[in-house]
């Protein structure tokens, strides 16, 4: 999806920023660091850093030893950066974000959308976060449910089993069990 979006945006006045969340890195993914990662991508795409952003960074250097911009500063900078061009922010696996960080991230993204009407946010996640998205974005959410198809999972597993470099390590009954059990378990995740 990201590649397709980037291909369509080529040659247009469009900025794209992506964020991939990972359950294993939940503690490192604070709302401030996630917004900072989006900001960095957008600023790189601007070509020239807006004066108000430069000024905000300069002000932070005046503190003892310098410090990073605070959460509110990053939100303001994202509002500025996303108002310069049509902006798409893509956030993958939002459900893997710590709930406290997710709340702060979504509230911040909502503030950005209020100041930057040309900004669009694409989020993937499991169905249980859908009501939260609706609440945080005051119903300005379009939802598309995508489930897994058993046949797709089996096709993927077969292709991986065919690539196995140690085929003698598995007998036909183990392969049959894998092709039966994994699709069942995965389909339960995406009810």
N, C-alpha and C. Protein backbone atom coordinates (compact mmCIF):
# COMPACT_ATOMS: atom_id res chain seq x y z
N UNK A 1 0.81 -1.17 0.00
CA UNK A 1 0.00 0.00 0.00
C UNK A 1 0.88 1.25 0.00
N UNK A 2 1.93 1.26 0.81
CA UNK A 2 2.84 2.41 0.88
C UNK A 2 3.51 2.63 -0.47
N UNK A 3 4.00 1.56 -1.08
CA UNK A 3 4.64 1.68 -2.39
C UNK A 3 3.68 2.26 -3.42
N UNK A 4 2.45 1.80 -3.40
CA UNK A 4 1.44 2.28 -4.35
C UNK A 4 1.17 3.77 -4.11
N UNK A 5 1.05 4.17 -2.86
CA UNK A 5 0.83 5.58 -2.53
C UNK A 5 2.00 6.44 -2.98
N UNK A 6 3.21 5.96 -2.74
CA UNK A 6 4.40 6.71 -3.16
C UNK A 6 4.47 6.82 -4.68
N UNK A 7 4.13 5.75 -5.39
CA UNK A 7 4.13 5.78 -6.86
C UNK A 7 3.12 6.80 -7.38
N UNK A 8 1.95 6.83 -6.78
CA UNK A 8 0.91 7.77 -7.22
C UNK A 8 1.28 9.21 -6.90
N UNK A 9 2.03 9.43 -5.83
CA UNK A 9 2.39 10.78 -5.39
C UNK A 9 3.58 11.35 -6.15
N UNK A 10 4.31 10.50 -6.84
CA UNK A 10 5.51 10.95 -7.55
C UNK A 10 5.19 12.11 -8.49
N UNK A 11 5.97 13.18 -8.37
CA UNK A 11 5.81 14.34 -9.24
C UNK A 11 4.71 15.30 -8.78
N UNK A 12 4.05 14.99 -7.71
CA UNK A 12 3.00 15.86 -7.19
C UNK A 12 3.49 16.53 -5.92
N UNK A 13 2.79 17.54 -5.48
CA UNK A 13 3.14 18.25 -4.26
C UNK A 13 2.52 17.51 -3.06
N UNK A 14 3.03 16.32 -2.79
CA UNK A 14 2.47 15.44 -1.77
C UNK A 14 3.58 14.95 -0.85
N UNK A 15 3.28 14.90 0.44
CA UNK A 15 4.22 14.36 1.42
C UNK A 15 3.63 13.09 2.01
N UNK A 16 4.50 12.11 2.24
CA UNK A 16 4.07 10.83 2.81
C UNK A 16 5.00 10.47 3.95
N UNK A 17 4.40 10.09 5.08
CA UNK A 17 5.17 9.63 6.24
C UNK A 17 4.55 8.33 6.74
N UNK A 18 5.40 7.39 7.12
CA UNK A 18 4.93 6.07 7.55
C UNK A 18 5.48 5.71 8.91
N UNK A 19 4.70 4.95 9.64
CA UNK A 19 5.10 4.50 10.96
C UNK A 19 4.67 3.05 11.10
N UNK A 20 5.61 2.19 11.44
CA UNK A 20 5.34 0.77 11.61
C UNK A 20 5.51 0.43 13.08
N UNK A 21 4.44 0.04 13.73
CA UNK A 21 4.51 -0.27 15.15
C UNK A 21 4.79 -1.75 15.34
N UNK A 22 5.47 -2.05 16.42
CA UNK A 22 5.90 -3.42 16.69
C UNK A 22 5.65 -3.74 18.15
N UNK A 23 4.94 -4.83 18.39
CA UNK A 23 4.64 -5.24 19.76
C UNK A 23 5.91 -5.39 20.59
N UNK A 24 6.97 -5.89 19.99
CA UNK A 24 8.22 -6.12 20.71
C UNK A 24 8.90 -4.82 21.14
N UNK A 25 8.55 -3.71 20.49
CA UNK A 25 9.18 -2.42 20.81
C UNK A 25 8.19 -1.46 21.47
N UNK A 26 7.20 -1.99 22.11
CA UNK A 26 6.11 -1.17 22.66
C UNK A 26 6.61 -0.08 23.61
N UNK A 27 7.54 -0.40 24.45
CA UNK A 27 7.98 0.59 25.44
C UNK A 27 8.79 1.73 24.82
N UNK A 28 9.46 1.46 23.72
CA UNK A 28 10.25 2.51 23.06
C UNK A 28 9.38 3.40 22.19
N UNK A 29 8.17 2.96 21.89
CA UNK A 29 7.31 3.69 20.98
C UNK A 29 6.36 4.60 21.75
N UNK A 30 6.92 5.70 22.28
CA UNK A 30 6.08 6.68 22.97
C UNK A 30 5.39 7.54 21.92
N UNK A 31 4.36 8.24 22.33
CA UNK A 31 3.67 9.11 21.38
C UNK A 31 4.62 10.18 20.84
N UNK A 32 5.50 10.68 21.70
CA UNK A 32 6.44 11.71 21.27
C UNK A 32 7.42 11.16 20.23
N UNK A 33 7.96 9.97 20.47
CA UNK A 33 8.91 9.41 19.50
C UNK A 33 8.22 9.05 18.18
N UNK A 34 6.98 8.57 18.26
CA UNK A 34 6.25 8.23 17.03
C UNK A 34 5.96 9.49 16.21
N UNK A 35 5.50 10.55 16.88
CA UNK A 35 5.23 11.80 16.17
C UNK A 35 6.52 12.39 15.62
N UNK A 36 7.60 12.27 16.39
CA UNK A 36 8.91 12.75 15.93
C UNK A 36 9.36 12.04 14.68
N UNK A 37 9.11 10.74 14.60
CA UNK A 37 9.48 9.97 13.41
C UNK A 37 8.68 10.44 12.19
N UNK A 38 7.39 10.71 12.39
CA UNK A 38 6.57 11.22 11.29
C UNK A 38 7.06 12.61 10.87
N UNK A 39 7.38 13.44 11.85
CA UNK A 39 7.86 14.80 11.56
C UNK A 39 9.15 14.76 10.74
N UNK A 40 10.07 13.92 11.15
CA UNK A 40 11.35 13.82 10.44
C UNK A 40 11.12 13.48 8.96
N UNK A 41 10.24 12.53 8.69
CA UNK A 41 9.97 12.15 7.31
C UNK A 41 9.34 13.30 6.52
N UNK A 42 8.43 14.01 7.15
CA UNK A 42 7.77 15.12 6.45
C UNK A 42 8.73 16.27 6.18
N UNK A 43 9.57 16.58 7.15
CA UNK A 43 10.53 17.68 6.97
C UNK A 43 11.51 17.36 5.86
N UNK A 44 11.97 16.12 5.80
CA UNK A 44 12.88 15.71 4.72
C UNK A 44 12.21 15.94 3.37
N UNK A 45 10.92 15.67 3.29
CA UNK A 45 10.20 15.83 2.04
C UNK A 45 9.90 17.28 1.66
N UNK A 46 10.06 18.20 2.60
CA UNK A 46 9.77 19.60 2.30
C UNK A 46 10.87 20.26 1.46
N UNK A 47 12.08 19.79 1.58
CA UNK A 47 13.19 20.41 0.87
C UNK A 47 13.81 21.53 1.67
N UNK A 48 12.99 22.39 2.23
CA UNK A 48 13.48 23.49 3.06
C UNK A 48 12.71 23.48 4.37
N UNK A 49 13.43 23.58 5.47
CA UNK A 49 12.80 23.56 6.78
C UNK A 49 12.15 24.92 7.05
N UNK A 50 10.85 24.93 7.35
CA UNK A 50 10.17 26.20 7.63
C UNK A 50 10.82 26.94 8.80
N UNK A 51 10.85 28.27 8.70
CA UNK A 51 11.50 29.11 9.70
C UNK A 51 11.01 28.88 11.11
N UNK A 52 9.71 28.67 11.28
CA UNK A 52 9.19 28.45 12.64
C UNK A 52 9.71 27.16 13.26
N UNK A 53 10.02 26.18 12.44
CA UNK A 53 10.61 24.93 12.96
C UNK A 53 12.05 25.16 13.38
N UNK A 54 12.78 25.87 12.56
CA UNK A 54 14.17 26.19 12.90
C UNK A 54 14.20 26.96 14.22
N UNK A 55 13.30 27.93 14.36
CA UNK A 55 13.25 28.74 15.57
C UNK A 55 12.93 27.87 16.79
N UNK A 56 12.00 26.94 16.66
CA UNK A 56 11.65 26.07 17.78
C UNK A 56 12.86 25.24 18.22
N UNK A 57 13.62 24.72 17.26
CA UNK A 57 14.82 23.95 17.61
C UNK A 57 15.88 24.84 18.26
N UNK A 58 16.02 26.04 17.77
CA UNK A 58 16.99 26.98 18.35
C UNK A 58 16.63 27.30 19.80
N UNK A 59 15.35 27.48 20.07
CA UNK A 59 14.90 27.78 21.43
C UNK A 59 15.22 26.63 22.38
N UNK A 60 15.09 25.39 21.90
CA UNK A 60 15.37 24.23 22.73
C UNK A 60 16.85 24.15 23.10
N UNK A 61 17.72 24.64 22.22
CA UNK A 61 19.16 24.61 22.50
C UNK A 61 19.54 25.53 23.66
N UNK A 62 18.69 26.49 23.97
CA UNK A 62 18.98 27.44 25.06
C UNK A 62 18.80 26.83 26.44
N UNK A 63 18.13 25.70 26.52
CA UNK A 63 17.98 25.03 27.81
C UNK A 63 19.29 24.33 28.16
N UNK A 64 19.50 24.07 29.42
CA UNK A 64 20.73 23.45 29.89
C UNK A 64 21.03 22.20 29.08
N UNK A 65 22.15 22.22 28.40
CA UNK A 65 22.56 21.06 27.62
C UNK A 65 21.72 20.83 26.38
N UNK A 66 20.77 21.70 26.13
CA UNK A 66 19.88 21.49 25.00
C UNK A 66 18.93 20.35 25.29
N UNK A 67 17.82 20.34 24.65
CA UNK A 67 16.89 19.22 24.82
C UNK A 67 16.10 19.06 23.55
N UNK A 68 15.47 17.93 23.47
CA UNK A 68 14.63 17.66 22.31
C UNK A 68 13.35 18.47 22.42
N UNK A 69 12.70 18.71 21.29
CA UNK A 69 11.41 19.40 21.35
C UNK A 69 10.41 18.58 22.18
N UNK A 70 9.58 19.26 22.87
CA UNK A 70 8.55 18.62 23.69
C UNK A 70 7.41 18.14 22.80
N UNK A 71 6.55 17.31 23.36
CA UNK A 71 5.43 16.73 22.62
C UNK A 71 4.60 17.82 21.92
N UNK A 72 4.23 18.84 22.66
CA UNK A 72 3.40 19.91 22.08
C UNK A 72 4.13 20.63 20.94
N UNK A 73 5.44 20.79 21.07
CA UNK A 73 6.23 21.42 20.00
C UNK A 73 6.19 20.57 18.73
N UNK A 74 6.30 19.27 18.91
CA UNK A 74 6.30 18.36 17.76
C UNK A 74 4.94 18.39 17.06
N UNK A 75 3.87 18.44 17.85
CA UNK A 75 2.52 18.53 17.26
C UNK A 75 2.40 19.81 16.43
N UNK A 76 2.86 20.92 16.99
CA UNK A 76 2.81 22.20 16.25
C UNK A 76 3.65 22.12 14.96
N UNK A 77 4.82 21.50 15.05
CA UNK A 77 5.66 21.38 13.86
C UNK A 77 5.01 20.47 12.81
N UNK A 78 4.34 19.42 13.27
CA UNK A 78 3.63 18.55 12.33
C UNK A 78 2.48 19.31 11.67
N UNK A 79 1.81 20.17 12.44
CA UNK A 79 0.74 20.99 11.86
C UNK A 79 1.32 21.89 10.77
N UNK A 80 2.46 22.47 11.04
CA UNK A 80 3.12 23.35 10.06
C UNK A 80 3.55 22.56 8.83
N UNK A 81 4.25 21.45 9.05
CA UNK A 81 4.76 20.66 7.93
C UNK A 81 3.62 20.11 7.07
N UNK A 82 2.56 19.63 7.70
CA UNK A 82 1.46 19.04 6.93
C UNK A 82 0.59 20.08 6.26
N UNK A 83 0.72 21.33 6.67
CA UNK A 83 -0.06 22.38 6.01
C UNK A 83 0.64 22.89 4.74
N UNK A 84 1.91 22.53 4.54
CA UNK A 84 2.68 22.99 3.38
C UNK A 84 2.34 22.23 2.10
N UNK A 85 1.91 20.97 2.23
CA UNK A 85 1.54 20.15 1.09
C UNK A 85 0.47 19.15 1.53
N UNK A 86 -0.18 18.59 0.55
CA UNK A 86 -1.13 17.50 0.85
C UNK A 86 -0.31 16.39 1.50
N UNK A 87 -0.79 15.89 2.62
CA UNK A 87 0.00 14.96 3.42
C UNK A 87 -0.77 13.68 3.72
N UNK A 88 -0.06 12.57 3.60
CA UNK A 88 -0.60 11.27 3.98
C UNK A 88 0.29 10.69 5.07
N UNK A 89 -0.31 10.31 6.18
CA UNK A 89 0.41 9.63 7.25
C UNK A 89 -0.16 8.23 7.36
N UNK A 90 0.70 7.25 7.30
CA UNK A 90 0.29 5.85 7.36
C UNK A 90 0.86 5.23 8.64
N UNK A 91 -0.03 4.64 9.42
CA UNK A 91 0.38 4.02 10.68
C UNK A 91 -0.07 2.57 10.66
N UNK A 92 0.89 1.67 10.67
CA UNK A 92 0.61 0.24 10.58
C UNK A 92 0.63 -0.39 11.95
N UNK A 93 -0.36 -1.23 12.24
CA UNK A 93 -0.46 -2.03 13.47
C UNK A 93 -0.65 -1.15 14.70
N UNK A 94 -1.55 -0.19 14.61
CA UNK A 94 -1.82 0.71 15.74
C UNK A 94 -2.23 -0.06 16.99
N UNK A 95 -2.85 -1.20 16.82
CA UNK A 95 -3.28 -2.01 17.97
C UNK A 95 -2.10 -2.52 18.79
N UNK A 96 -0.89 -2.50 18.23
CA UNK A 96 0.29 -2.97 18.96
C UNK A 96 0.92 -1.88 19.82
N UNK A 97 0.35 -0.71 19.79
CA UNK A 97 0.85 0.42 20.57
C UNK A 97 0.29 0.34 22.00
N UNK A 98 1.10 0.69 22.98
CA UNK A 98 0.65 0.73 24.37
C UNK A 98 -0.56 1.66 24.44
N UNK A 99 -1.65 1.26 25.10
CA UNK A 99 -2.87 2.08 25.11
C UNK A 99 -2.64 3.54 25.53
N UNK A 100 -1.80 3.80 26.52
CA UNK A 100 -1.57 5.18 26.97
C UNK A 100 -0.92 6.00 25.85
N UNK A 101 0.02 5.41 25.16
CA UNK A 101 0.68 6.10 24.05
C UNK A 101 -0.28 6.26 22.87
N UNK A 102 -1.12 5.25 22.66
CA UNK A 102 -2.08 5.30 21.55
C UNK A 102 -3.06 6.45 21.74
N UNK A 103 -3.55 6.62 22.95
CA UNK A 103 -4.49 7.71 23.24
C UNK A 103 -3.84 9.06 22.93
N UNK A 104 -2.64 9.26 23.42
CA UNK A 104 -1.94 10.53 23.21
C UNK A 104 -1.62 10.74 21.73
N UNK A 105 -1.23 9.68 21.04
CA UNK A 105 -0.94 9.76 19.61
C UNK A 105 -2.20 10.14 18.83
N UNK A 106 -3.31 9.47 19.10
CA UNK A 106 -4.54 9.75 18.37
C UNK A 106 -5.06 11.16 18.66
N UNK A 107 -4.98 11.60 19.90
CA UNK A 107 -5.39 12.97 20.23
C UNK A 107 -4.52 13.99 19.49
N UNK A 108 -3.24 13.71 19.40
CA UNK A 108 -2.32 14.62 18.69
C UNK A 108 -2.62 14.63 17.20
N UNK A 109 -2.86 13.46 16.63
CA UNK A 109 -3.19 13.38 15.20
C UNK A 109 -4.49 14.13 14.92
N UNK A 110 -5.43 14.06 15.84
CA UNK A 110 -6.68 14.79 15.68
C UNK A 110 -6.42 16.30 15.64
N UNK A 111 -5.53 16.78 16.50
CA UNK A 111 -5.16 18.20 16.50
C UNK A 111 -4.53 18.60 15.16
N UNK A 112 -3.70 17.72 14.64
CA UNK A 112 -3.04 17.99 13.36
C UNK A 112 -4.09 18.09 12.25
N UNK A 113 -5.04 17.17 12.25
CA UNK A 113 -6.09 17.18 11.22
C UNK A 113 -6.93 18.46 11.28
N UNK A 114 -7.15 18.96 12.49
CA UNK A 114 -7.95 20.18 12.63
C UNK A 114 -7.27 21.38 11.98
N UNK A 115 -5.94 21.43 12.04
CA UNK A 115 -5.19 22.56 11.46
C UNK A 115 -4.74 22.31 10.02
N UNK A 116 -4.79 21.06 9.60
CA UNK A 116 -4.30 20.70 8.26
C UNK A 116 -5.36 19.87 7.54
N UNK A 117 -6.36 20.53 6.96
CA UNK A 117 -7.46 19.79 6.33
C UNK A 117 -7.04 18.95 5.12
N UNK A 118 -5.88 19.20 4.56
CA UNK A 118 -5.40 18.40 3.43
C UNK A 118 -4.68 17.14 3.85
N UNK A 119 -4.64 16.89 5.14
CA UNK A 119 -3.93 15.71 5.64
C UNK A 119 -4.89 14.53 5.76
N UNK A 120 -4.40 13.38 5.38
CA UNK A 120 -5.17 12.13 5.51
C UNK A 120 -4.33 11.15 6.29
N UNK A 121 -5.00 10.38 7.15
CA UNK A 121 -4.30 9.40 7.97
C UNK A 121 -4.89 8.02 7.67
N UNK A 122 -3.99 7.10 7.35
CA UNK A 122 -4.37 5.71 7.08
C UNK A 122 -3.82 4.86 8.21
N UNK A 123 -4.71 4.10 8.85
CA UNK A 123 -4.32 3.30 10.01
C UNK A 123 -4.73 1.85 9.78
N UNK A 124 -3.83 0.94 10.12
CA UNK A 124 -4.20 -0.47 10.14
C UNK A 124 -4.16 -0.94 11.58
N UNK A 125 -4.98 -1.92 11.87
CA UNK A 125 -5.01 -2.48 13.22
C UNK A 125 -6.14 -3.49 13.32
N UNK A 126 -6.15 -4.21 14.39
CA UNK A 126 -7.19 -5.20 14.62
C UNK A 126 -8.51 -4.48 14.95
N UNK A 127 -9.61 -5.17 14.75
CA UNK A 127 -10.94 -4.53 14.88
C UNK A 127 -11.22 -3.88 16.23
N UNK A 128 -10.60 -4.33 17.30
CA UNK A 128 -10.95 -3.79 18.63
C UNK A 128 -10.59 -2.32 18.80
N UNK A 129 -9.76 -1.74 17.94
CA UNK A 129 -9.42 -0.32 18.08
C UNK A 129 -10.36 0.58 17.28
N UNK A 130 -11.21 0.00 16.47
CA UNK A 130 -12.11 0.79 15.62
C UNK A 130 -13.00 1.74 16.43
N UNK A 131 -13.63 1.31 17.52
CA UNK A 131 -14.45 2.26 18.29
C UNK A 131 -13.62 3.43 18.84
N UNK A 132 -12.38 3.14 19.24
CA UNK A 132 -11.50 4.20 19.76
C UNK A 132 -11.20 5.22 18.66
N UNK A 133 -10.95 4.75 17.47
CA UNK A 133 -10.70 5.67 16.35
C UNK A 133 -11.91 6.55 16.10
N UNK A 134 -13.09 5.95 16.14
CA UNK A 134 -14.33 6.71 15.93
C UNK A 134 -14.51 7.79 16.99
N UNK A 135 -14.21 7.46 18.25
CA UNK A 135 -14.33 8.45 19.34
C UNK A 135 -13.31 9.56 19.19
N UNK A 136 -12.07 9.21 18.94
CA UNK A 136 -10.99 10.21 18.89
C UNK A 136 -11.10 11.14 17.69
N UNK A 137 -11.67 10.63 16.59
CA UNK A 137 -11.77 11.43 15.39
C UNK A 137 -13.21 11.87 15.12
N UNK A 138 -14.02 11.86 16.14
CA UNK A 138 -15.40 12.37 16.09
C UNK A 138 -16.17 11.88 14.87
N UNK A 139 -16.07 10.60 14.61
CA UNK A 139 -16.83 10.02 13.51
C UNK A 139 -16.29 10.31 12.12
N UNK A 140 -15.14 11.01 12.00
CA UNK A 140 -14.55 11.30 10.69
C UNK A 140 -13.66 10.14 10.24
N UNK A 141 -14.16 8.94 10.40
CA UNK A 141 -13.38 7.74 10.10
C UNK A 141 -14.12 6.90 9.08
N UNK A 142 -13.40 6.46 8.09
CA UNK A 142 -13.95 5.50 7.16
C UNK A 142 -13.24 4.18 7.46
N UNK A 143 -14.01 3.15 7.61
CA UNK A 143 -13.44 1.87 8.01
C UNK A 143 -13.65 0.83 6.91
N UNK A 144 -12.64 0.01 6.76
CA UNK A 144 -12.70 -1.08 5.80
C UNK A 144 -12.22 -2.33 6.52
N UNK A 145 -13.11 -3.30 6.66
CA UNK A 145 -12.72 -4.54 7.32
C UNK A 145 -12.06 -5.46 6.32
N UNK A 146 -10.95 -6.00 6.75
CA UNK A 146 -10.24 -6.95 5.92
C UNK A 146 -9.93 -8.16 6.77
N UNK A 147 -10.43 -9.26 6.36
CA UNK A 147 -10.16 -10.49 7.10
C UNK A 147 -9.20 -11.36 6.32
N UNK A 148 -8.74 -12.36 6.99
CA UNK A 148 -7.87 -13.31 6.29
C UNK A 148 -8.74 -14.39 5.69
N UNK A 149 -8.28 -14.93 4.61
CA UNK A 149 -8.98 -16.03 3.98
C UNK A 149 -8.15 -17.28 4.18
N UNK A 150 -8.80 -18.30 4.62
CA UNK A 150 -8.13 -19.57 4.91
C UNK A 150 -7.28 -20.04 3.73
N UNK A 151 -7.82 -19.94 2.51
CA UNK A 151 -7.08 -20.39 1.33
C UNK A 151 -5.80 -19.58 1.12
N UNK A 152 -5.84 -18.28 1.41
CA UNK A 152 -4.65 -17.44 1.28
C UNK A 152 -3.57 -17.88 2.27
N UNK A 153 -3.99 -18.18 3.48
CA UNK A 153 -3.04 -18.61 4.51
C UNK A 153 -2.41 -19.94 4.13
N UNK A 154 -3.23 -20.86 3.68
CA UNK A 154 -2.72 -22.17 3.28
C UNK A 154 -1.75 -22.04 2.10
N UNK A 155 -2.10 -21.20 1.12
CA UNK A 155 -1.23 -20.99 -0.04
C UNK A 155 0.12 -20.42 0.42
N UNK A 156 0.08 -19.47 1.34
CA UNK A 156 1.32 -18.89 1.87
C UNK A 156 2.14 -19.95 2.60
N UNK A 157 1.51 -20.73 3.45
CA UNK A 157 2.22 -21.77 4.20
C UNK A 157 2.85 -22.80 3.26
N UNK A 158 2.11 -23.19 2.24
CA UNK A 158 2.66 -24.17 1.27
C UNK A 158 3.89 -23.61 0.57
N UNK A 159 3.83 -22.33 0.20
CA UNK A 159 4.99 -21.75 -0.48
C UNK A 159 6.20 -21.71 0.44
N UNK A 160 5.97 -21.43 1.72
CA UNK A 160 7.08 -21.42 2.67
C UNK A 160 7.62 -22.83 2.92
N UNK A 161 6.73 -23.80 3.00
CA UNK A 161 7.17 -25.18 3.21
C UNK A 161 7.97 -25.68 2.01
N UNK A 162 7.61 -25.25 0.82
CA UNK A 162 8.35 -25.65 -0.38
C UNK A 162 9.75 -25.06 -0.41
N UNK A 163 9.95 -23.94 0.28
CA UNK A 163 11.27 -23.29 0.34
C UNK A 163 12.14 -23.84 1.47
N UNK A 164 11.61 -24.76 2.24
CA UNK A 164 12.33 -25.31 3.39
C UNK A 164 13.65 -25.93 2.94
N UNK A 165 14.73 -25.52 3.58
CA UNK A 165 16.05 -26.02 3.21
C UNK A 165 16.37 -27.35 3.88
N UNK A 166 15.52 -27.76 4.82
CA UNK A 166 15.71 -29.06 5.47
C UNK A 166 14.40 -29.86 5.37
N UNK A 167 14.02 -30.27 4.17
CA UNK A 167 12.74 -30.96 3.99
C UNK A 167 12.64 -32.29 4.73
N UNK A 168 13.77 -32.92 5.02
CA UNK A 168 13.74 -34.20 5.72
C UNK A 168 13.38 -34.04 7.20
N UNK A 169 13.37 -32.81 7.71
CA UNK A 169 13.07 -32.58 9.11
C UNK A 169 11.57 -32.67 9.38
N UNK A 170 10.76 -32.77 8.35
CA UNK A 170 9.31 -32.78 8.54
C UNK A 170 8.70 -33.94 7.77
N UNK A 171 7.80 -34.64 8.44
CA UNK A 171 7.08 -35.71 7.74
C UNK A 171 5.72 -35.18 7.28
N UNK A 172 5.00 -35.98 6.54
CA UNK A 172 3.74 -35.53 5.96
C UNK A 172 2.68 -35.25 7.01
N UNK A 173 2.69 -35.95 8.14
CA UNK A 173 1.68 -35.70 9.17
C UNK A 173 1.92 -34.35 9.86
N UNK A 174 3.19 -33.99 10.07
CA UNK A 174 3.49 -32.68 10.66
C UNK A 174 3.08 -31.56 9.70
N UNK A 175 3.38 -31.75 8.41
CA UNK A 175 2.99 -30.75 7.42
C UNK A 175 1.47 -30.59 7.39
N UNK A 176 0.74 -31.69 7.44
CA UNK A 176 -0.73 -31.64 7.44
C UNK A 176 -1.25 -30.91 8.69
N UNK A 177 -0.61 -31.16 9.83
CA UNK A 177 -1.02 -30.49 11.07
C UNK A 177 -0.77 -28.97 10.98
N UNK A 178 0.36 -28.59 10.41
CA UNK A 178 0.67 -27.16 10.23
C UNK A 178 -0.38 -26.52 9.33
N UNK A 179 -0.70 -27.18 8.21
CA UNK A 179 -1.67 -26.63 7.26
C UNK A 179 -3.09 -26.60 7.82
N UNK A 180 -3.34 -27.35 8.88
CA UNK A 180 -4.66 -27.35 9.50
C UNK A 180 -4.72 -26.35 10.66
N UNK A 181 -3.74 -26.41 11.55
CA UNK A 181 -3.78 -25.65 12.80
C UNK A 181 -3.53 -24.15 12.63
N UNK A 182 -2.50 -23.78 11.88
CA UNK A 182 -2.15 -22.35 11.76
C UNK A 182 -3.31 -21.55 11.14
N UNK A 183 -3.91 -21.99 10.04
CA UNK A 183 -5.04 -21.22 9.50
C UNK A 183 -6.19 -21.07 10.50
N UNK A 184 -6.44 -22.09 11.30
CA UNK A 184 -7.49 -21.98 12.32
C UNK A 184 -7.14 -20.91 13.35
N UNK A 185 -5.90 -20.93 13.85
CA UNK A 185 -5.47 -19.98 14.87
C UNK A 185 -5.45 -18.55 14.34
N UNK A 186 -4.99 -18.37 13.12
CA UNK A 186 -4.91 -17.04 12.53
C UNK A 186 -6.31 -16.48 12.29
N UNK A 187 -7.21 -17.30 11.80
CA UNK A 187 -8.55 -16.80 11.51
C UNK A 187 -9.27 -16.36 12.79
N UNK A 188 -8.93 -16.93 13.93
CA UNK A 188 -9.51 -16.50 15.20
C UNK A 188 -9.04 -15.11 15.60
N UNK A 189 -7.85 -14.71 15.13
CA UNK A 189 -7.31 -13.39 15.46
C UNK A 189 -8.07 -12.29 14.74
N UNK A 190 -8.66 -12.59 13.60
CA UNK A 190 -9.27 -11.56 12.76
C UNK A 190 -10.78 -11.79 12.61
N UNK A 191 -11.44 -12.06 13.69
CA UNK A 191 -12.89 -12.30 13.63
C UNK A 191 -13.59 -10.98 13.37
